[in-house]
Amino acid sequence: MACYRCCARRTLNGMVEIPTPADLSEAYAAVRAQLAPTPLVHSRDGLSVKLECWQPTGSFKVRGAIAALSALPKRTPVVTASTGNHALAVAWAAERLGIEATVVVPQTASPAKLTALAALNGRVVRHGADFDAAESHALDLAARGATYVSPYNHTRVIAGQSTLGRELGEQVEGAFTVVVPVGGGGLASGLALWAAGRDGVRVIGVEAAASRAVSAAMAAGTTVTVPVGPTLADALAGNVEPGSVTPGILAAQGVPVLGVSEEDIRGAMRYLVRVHGLAVEGGGAVAVAAVLSGAVESTGPVVAVVTGRNVALPTLAQVLGG
């Protein structure tokens, strides 16, 4: 892996540090200074949905971006790689905080996300056929003098994603299960760290069956390369950075990671349009897909996090009409 500067704290052996309780508190203060809490709405018996799709960039990723960039010295240039949502988050946070940002997205990035990126300040570089290629190019760019902000393998990004849990703790009374999408595992890891020591709070992760890098790493005890197939959940597709801390956090916290089929994802996208009037991207719908498919077992309240809305209109039309 290329050598690069990173604003995540790293240990002597190069591993990103697991966020501490102090990190989680600092991230919460940074995020609350920029963002209002997102709504939690009832969906069906025992199920509520947390509408992270209502964030200003259309996804939860803005939490981690704010936390990471807020911790940087002023005028520090940053670079990142993303299939779209983290790129949008970094570009938005950089604009708010007065930071120069370069975002690298694959050639296959969603047109909806590219359109949204064009409306923000920042340099957009399209490179490679998938996330893995885009990430490699971003690391090369960072080696030339910028700070790389990983979408998931980053102390401050993980801490920023944990702030969603603190909001839920203020919105839900008593014990509950929170179900979240997993791509690189940053959100699930942040929630797992927030939930640690809180009786009655359980975290379940959900991957697209076509891309199961995090659960494979959890099973192997180290990051491994997995095949990645075509999926509506493009925001979750791709392998994880070698040495990523997120699979280890999830394993240590006993977080199960399920897989859902493309049919289940389509059904969840249709459900969210029909029941809630929400146009949601495939990756944003996988938690709901897992609940609707019966894969999530719980005797108490369940919160499914709807993580993103940045779906291309032709894709949405195909899902709704198919």
Protein backbone atom coordinates (compact mmCIF):
# COMPACT_ATOMS: atom_id res chain seq x y z
CA MET A 1 0.00 0.00 0.00
CA ALA A 2 1.30 3.46 -0.81
CA CYS A 3 2.79 5.60 1.94
CA TYR A 4 0.66 8.65 2.74
CA ARG A 5 -0.03 11.34 5.27
CA CYS A 6 -3.22 10.86 7.26
CA CYS A 7 -4.92 12.91 9.95
CA ALA A 8 -6.04 9.71 11.67
CA ARG A 9 -3.90 8.86 14.67
CA ARG A 10 -1.67 5.89 13.89
CA THR A 11 0.27 3.58 16.15
CA LEU A 12 3.97 2.84 15.69
CA ASN A 13 3.15 -0.15 13.48
CA GLY A 14 1.03 2.03 11.21
CA MET A 15 -2.40 0.88 12.37
CA VAL A 16 -5.17 3.43 12.87
CA GLU A 17 -6.06 3.80 16.53
CA ILE A 18 -9.49 2.82 17.79
CA PRO A 19 -11.38 5.94 18.90
CA THR A 20 -11.50 6.60 22.64
CA PRO A 21 -14.53 7.89 24.59
CA ALA A 22 -12.88 11.33 24.46
CA ASP A 23 -12.71 11.08 20.66
CA LEU A 24 -16.42 10.26 20.53
CA SER A 25 -17.26 13.28 22.69
CA GLU A 26 -15.09 15.63 20.62
CA ALA A 27 -16.68 14.34 17.43
CA TYR A 28 -20.16 14.90 18.84
CA ALA A 29 -19.33 18.52 19.64
CA ALA A 30 -17.94 19.10 16.14
CA VAL A 31 -20.92 17.47 14.42
CA ARG A 32 -23.55 19.23 16.53
CA ALA A 33 -21.93 22.56 15.66
CA GLN A 34 -22.70 21.92 11.97
CA LEU A 35 -25.68 19.54 11.77
CA ALA A 36 -29.15 19.23 13.29
CA PRO A 37 -30.29 15.75 14.43
CA THR A 38 -32.02 13.72 11.71
CA PRO A 39 -35.60 12.45 12.20
CA LEU A 40 -36.59 9.05 13.53
CA VAL A 41 -39.97 7.96 12.17
CA HIS A 42 -42.20 4.95 12.81
CA SER A 43 -42.41 2.56 9.88
CA ARG A 44 -44.27 -0.59 10.93
CA ASP A 45 -44.82 -2.67 14.06
CA GLY A 46 -41.61 -2.54 16.05
CA LEU A 47 -39.64 -0.84 13.25
CA SER A 48 -38.54 2.77 13.00
CA VAL A 49 -36.27 4.34 10.38
CA LYS A 50 -33.53 6.88 11.08
CA LEU A 51 -33.45 9.28 8.15
CA GLU A 52 -29.77 9.94 7.52
CA CYS A 53 -30.83 10.42 3.90
CA TRP A 54 -31.95 13.88 5.05
CA GLN A 55 -28.41 15.03 5.73
CA PRO A 56 -27.31 18.03 3.61
CA THR A 57 -25.17 15.81 1.36
CA GLY A 58 -27.80 13.07 1.19
CA SER A 59 -25.98 10.57 3.44
CA PHE A 60 -24.62 9.91 6.94
CA LYS A 61 -21.03 10.28 5.67
CA VAL A 62 -21.05 13.98 6.45
CA ARG A 63 -20.75 13.15 10.16
CA GLY A 64 -17.36 11.51 9.77
CA ALA A 65 -16.11 14.15 7.36
CA ILE A 66 -16.93 16.98 9.76
CA ALA A 67 -15.27 15.20 12.68
CA ALA A 68 -12.11 14.44 10.66
CA LEU A 69 -11.68 17.82 9.01
CA SER A 70 -12.50 19.76 12.19
CA ALA A 71 -9.48 18.12 13.84
CA LEU A 72 -7.05 19.35 11.15
CA PRO A 73 -4.84 22.43 11.33
CA LYS A 74 -6.19 25.28 9.21
CA ARG A 75 -5.32 25.34 5.50
CA THR A 76 -4.41 21.64 5.46
CA PRO A 77 -5.28 20.22 2.00
CA VAL A 78 -7.08 16.89 2.00
CA VAL A 79 -7.68 14.13 -0.52
CA THR A 80 -10.05 11.18 -0.37
CA ALA A 81 -11.51 8.38 -2.46
CA SER A 82 -15.15 7.37 -2.59
CA THR A 83 -17.89 5.89 -4.73
CA GLY A 84 -19.64 9.20 -4.12
CA ASN A 85 -21.15 9.73 -0.68
CA HIS A 86 -17.91 10.19 1.26
CA ALA A 87 -16.63 12.41 -1.55
CA LEU A 88 -19.72 14.59 -1.19
CA ALA A 89 -19.28 14.65 2.57
CA VAL A 90 -15.62 15.70 2.42
CA ALA A 91 -16.33 18.35 -0.24
CA TRP A 92 -19.22 19.77 1.82
CA ALA A 93 -17.27 19.78 5.09
CA ALA A 94 -14.21 21.29 3.39
CA GLU A 95 -16.34 24.09 1.97
CA ARG A 96 -17.85 24.81 5.39
CA LEU A 97 -14.46 24.74 7.14
CA GLY A 98 -12.41 26.54 4.49
CA ILE A 99 -10.22 23.56 3.51
CA GLU A 100 -8.93 22.64 0.05
CA ALA A 101 -10.21 19.19 -0.96
CA THR A 102 -9.58 16.76 -3.82
CA VAL A 103 -11.97 13.84 -4.17
CA VAL A 104 -11.29 10.81 -6.36
CA VAL A 105 -14.29 8.83 -7.62
CA PRO A 106 -14.39 5.83 -9.97
CA GLN A 107 -15.54 6.25 -13.56
CA THR A 108 -18.59 4.18 -12.57
CA ALA A 109 -19.73 6.61 -9.84
CA SER A 110 -23.45 7.33 -9.74
CA PRO A 111 -24.45 10.23 -12.04
CA ALA A 112 -26.58 11.61 -9.20
CA LYS A 113 -23.52 11.83 -6.95
CA LEU A 114 -21.39 13.39 -9.69
CA THR A 115 -24.05 16.04 -10.27
CA ALA A 116 -24.16 16.83 -6.55
CA LEU A 117 -20.34 17.03 -6.41
CA ALA A 118 -20.31 19.53 -9.26
CA ALA A 119 -22.35 21.93 -7.10
CA LEU A 120 -19.65 21.99 -4.39
CA ASN A 121 -16.23 23.60 -4.37
CA GLY A 122 -13.37 21.16 -4.63
CA ARG A 123 -11.44 19.26 -7.26
CA VAL A 124 -13.12 16.08 -8.53
CA VAL A 125 -10.94 13.43 -10.18
CA ARG A 126 -12.57 10.48 -11.96
CA HIS A 127 -10.22 7.51 -12.03
CA GLY A 128 -10.52 3.73 -12.40
CA ALA A 129 -13.33 1.28 -12.90
CA ASP A 130 -14.10 0.72 -9.21
CA PHE A 131 -13.48 1.98 -5.68
CA ASP A 132 -10.27 -0.01 -5.28
CA ALA A 133 -8.68 1.76 -8.27
CA ALA A 134 -9.93 5.16 -7.13
CA GLU A 135 -8.55 4.61 -3.64
CA SER A 136 -5.13 3.61 -4.97
CA HIS A 137 -4.96 6.79 -7.07
CA ALA A 138 -6.06 8.95 -4.12
CA LEU A 139 -3.31 7.47 -1.96
CA ASP A 140 -0.79 8.32 -4.68
CA LEU A 141 -2.05 11.91 -4.75
CA ALA A 142 -1.88 12.14 -0.96
CA ALA A 143 1.75 10.99 -1.02
CA ARG A 144 2.54 14.21 -2.89
CA GLY A 145 1.67 16.36 0.12
CA ALA A 146 -2.02 16.20 1.11
CA THR A 147 -3.75 14.54 4.05
CA TYR A 148 -5.73 11.42 3.15
CA VAL A 149 -9.12 10.99 4.80
CA SER A 150 -10.28 7.38 4.55
CA PRO A 151 -14.02 6.80 4.24
CA TYR A 152 -13.85 4.29 7.12
CA ASN A 153 -10.33 3.40 8.34
CA HIS A 154 -9.82 6.63 10.23
CA THR A 155 -9.98 7.41 13.94
CA ARG A 156 -11.92 10.66 13.56
CA VAL A 157 -14.22 9.39 10.82
CA ILE A 158 -15.28 6.43 12.96
CA ALA A 159 -15.77 8.77 15.92
CA GLY A 160 -17.91 11.05 13.76
CA GLN A 161 -20.16 8.18 12.70
CA SER A 162 -20.67 7.29 16.38
CA THR A 163 -22.61 10.53 16.81
CA LEU A 164 -25.59 8.89 15.14
CA GLY A 165 -25.77 6.55 18.14
CA ARG A 166 -25.82 9.40 20.61
CA GLU A 167 -28.75 10.93 18.72
CA LEU A 168 -30.59 7.61 18.83
CA GLY A 169 -29.98 7.41 22.56
CA GLU A 170 -31.91 10.68 22.87
CA GLN A 171 -34.69 9.56 20.50
CA VAL A 172 -35.40 5.99 21.64
CA GLU A 173 -36.39 4.98 25.16
CA GLY A 174 -35.14 1.72 26.63
CA ALA A 175 -33.56 -1.22 24.85
CA PHE A 176 -33.44 -1.38 21.05
CA THR A 177 -31.61 -2.91 18.08
CA VAL A 178 -30.03 -0.65 15.46
CA VAL A 179 -29.44 -2.10 11.99
CA VAL A 180 -26.94 -0.35 9.71
CA PRO A 181 -25.43 -0.79 6.25
CA VAL A 182 -21.81 -1.96 6.06
CA GLY A 183 -19.40 -1.09 3.27
CA GLY A 184 -16.08 -0.32 4.93
CA GLY A 185 -17.60 -0.62 8.39
CA GLY A 186 -17.04 2.92 9.69
CA LEU A 187 -20.66 3.55 10.69
CA ALA A 188 -21.18 0.15 12.29
CA SER A 189 -17.87 0.48 14.14
CA GLY A 190 -18.74 3.92 15.47
CA LEU A 191 -22.13 2.72 16.64
CA ALA A 192 -20.60 -0.38 18.23
CA LEU A 193 -18.16 1.77 20.21
CA TRP A 194 -20.96 4.08 21.31
CA ALA A 195 -23.13 1.10 22.31
CA ALA A 196 -20.34 -0.59 24.31
CA GLY A 197 -21.36 -0.70 27.95
CA ARG A 198 -24.94 0.40 27.22
CA ASP A 199 -27.25 -2.36 28.37
CA GLY A 200 -29.98 -3.26 25.90
CA VAL A 201 -28.47 -1.62 22.80
CA ARG A 202 -27.56 -4.06 20.03
CA VAL A 203 -25.90 -3.26 16.68
CA ILE A 204 -26.36 -5.39 13.54
CA GLY A 205 -24.53 -4.72 10.27
CA VAL A 206 -25.78 -5.50 6.77
CA GLU A 207 -23.74 -5.94 3.59
CA ALA A 208 -24.87 -6.46 0.02
CA ALA A 209 -24.43 -10.16 -0.74
CA ALA A 210 -22.44 -9.12 -3.82
CA SER A 211 -19.74 -7.42 -1.72
CA ARG A 212 -18.87 -8.94 1.66
CA ALA A 213 -15.37 -7.68 2.44
CA VAL A 214 -15.94 -6.75 6.09
CA SER A 215 -17.63 -9.98 7.16
CA ALA A 216 -14.90 -11.93 5.33
CA ALA A 217 -12.23 -10.02 7.24
CA MET A 218 -14.04 -10.65 10.52
CA ALA A 219 -14.11 -14.38 9.80
CA ALA A 220 -10.46 -14.50 8.70
CA GLY A 221 -9.10 -12.27 11.46
CA THR A 222 -7.41 -10.06 8.85
CA THR A 223 -8.37 -8.16 5.73
CA VAL A 224 -8.80 -10.40 2.70
CA THR A 225 -9.67 -9.73 -0.93
CA VAL A 226 -13.16 -10.83 -1.93
CA PRO A 227 -14.92 -10.86 -5.30
CA VAL A 228 -17.21 -7.89 -5.81
CA GLY A 229 -20.23 -8.32 -8.05
CA PRO A 230 -22.63 -5.78 -9.56
CA THR A 231 -25.05 -4.41 -7.01
CA LEU A 232 -27.64 -1.69 -6.52
CA ALA A 233 -25.73 -0.93 -3.31
CA ASP A 234 -22.84 0.71 -5.17
CA ALA A 235 -21.97 2.80 -2.09
CA LEU A 236 -21.14 -0.41 -0.21
CA ALA A 237 -19.21 -2.19 -2.97
CA GLY A 238 -15.46 -2.78 -2.82
CA ASN A 239 -12.70 -4.31 -0.75
CA VAL A 240 -11.38 -2.74 2.45
CA GLU A 241 -7.99 -1.16 3.04
CA PRO A 242 -5.36 -3.67 4.24
CA GLY A 243 -5.05 -3.46 8.00
CA SER A 244 -8.37 -1.66 8.46
CA VAL A 245 -9.45 -1.50 12.10
CA THR A 246 -13.16 -1.70 11.41
CA PRO A 247 -13.53 -5.51 11.10
CA GLY A 248 -11.62 -5.94 14.36
CA ILE A 249 -13.85 -3.44 16.17
CA LEU A 250 -16.98 -5.21 14.96
CA ALA A 251 -15.61 -8.62 15.90
CA ALA A 252 -14.52 -7.44 19.35
CA GLN A 253 -17.93 -5.90 20.01
CA GLY A 254 -19.77 -9.02 18.81
CA VAL A 255 -21.58 -7.25 15.96
CA PRO A 256 -23.13 -9.73 13.49
CA VAL A 257 -22.93 -8.75 9.82
CA LEU A 258 -25.66 -10.13 7.57
CA GLY A 259 -25.95 -10.21 3.77
CA VAL A 260 -28.97 -9.25 1.66
CA SER A 261 -29.76 -10.12 -1.94
CA GLU A 262 -30.38 -7.74 -4.82
CA GLU A 263 -34.04 -8.77 -4.75
CA ASP A 264 -34.25 -7.78 -1.08
CA ILE A 265 -32.58 -4.43 -1.81
CA ARG A 266 -35.04 -3.72 -4.62
CA GLY A 267 -37.93 -4.58 -2.34
CA ALA A 268 -36.66 -2.22 0.37
CA MET A 269 -36.23 0.65 -2.09
CA ARG A 270 -39.80 0.14 -3.28
CA TYR A 271 -41.06 -0.09 0.30
CA LEU A 272 -39.42 3.20 1.28
CA VAL A 273 -41.00 4.95 -1.71
CA ARG A 274 -44.42 3.41 -1.14
CA VAL A 275 -44.64 3.77 2.64
CA HIS A 276 -42.53 6.86 3.34
CA GLY A 277 -42.21 8.68 0.00
CA LEU A 278 -38.41 8.32 0.21
CA ALA A 279 -36.23 7.95 -2.88
CA VAL A 280 -33.30 5.98 -1.44
CA GLU A 281 -30.18 4.52 -3.04
CA GLY A 282 -29.53 0.78 -2.80
CA GLY A 283 -26.79 1.08 -0.19
CA GLY A 284 -29.04 3.26 1.93
CA ALA A 285 -31.81 0.66 1.90
CA VAL A 286 -29.96 -2.52 2.94
CA ALA A 287 -30.77 -2.20 6.64
CA VAL A 288 -34.47 -1.98 5.82
CA ALA A 289 -34.01 -4.89 3.40
CA ALA A 290 -32.60 -7.06 6.17
CA VAL A 291 -35.52 -6.29 8.46
CA LEU A 292 -38.21 -6.81 5.81
CA SER A 293 -36.63 -10.11 4.72
CA GLY A 294 -36.88 -11.49 8.24
CA ALA A 295 -33.10 -11.79 8.68
CA VAL A 296 -33.08 -9.56 11.77
CA GLU A 297 -34.29 -11.27 14.93
CA SER A 298 -35.36 -9.02 17.78
CA THR A 299 -37.96 -9.08 20.53
CA GLY A 300 -37.87 -5.31 21.02
CA PRO A 301 -37.85 -2.09 18.98
CA VAL A 302 -35.71 -2.06 15.84
CA VAL A 303 -34.20 1.03 14.18
CA ALA A 304 -33.08 0.64 10.56
CA VAL A 305 -30.74 3.42 9.47
CA VAL A 306 -31.53 4.74 5.99
CA THR A 307 -28.10 6.03 5.12
CA GLY A 308 -28.35 7.68 1.70
CA ARG A 309 -30.67 9.13 -0.94
CA ASN A 310 -28.23 9.75 -3.81
CA VAL A 311 -29.78 7.45 -6.40
CA ALA A 312 -29.74 8.18 -10.14
CA LEU A 313 -33.25 8.69 -11.50
CA PRO A 314 -32.89 6.03 -14.24
CA THR A 315 -31.84 3.51 -11.59
CA LEU A 316 -34.79 4.42 -9.36
CA ALA A 317 -37.18 4.23 -12.32
CA GLN A 318 -35.84 0.79 -13.24
CA VAL A 319 -36.27 -0.46 -9.65
CA LEU A 320 -39.79 0.87 -9.35
CA GLY A 321 -40.85 -0.34 -12.76
CA GLY A 322 -39.12 -3.73 -12.67
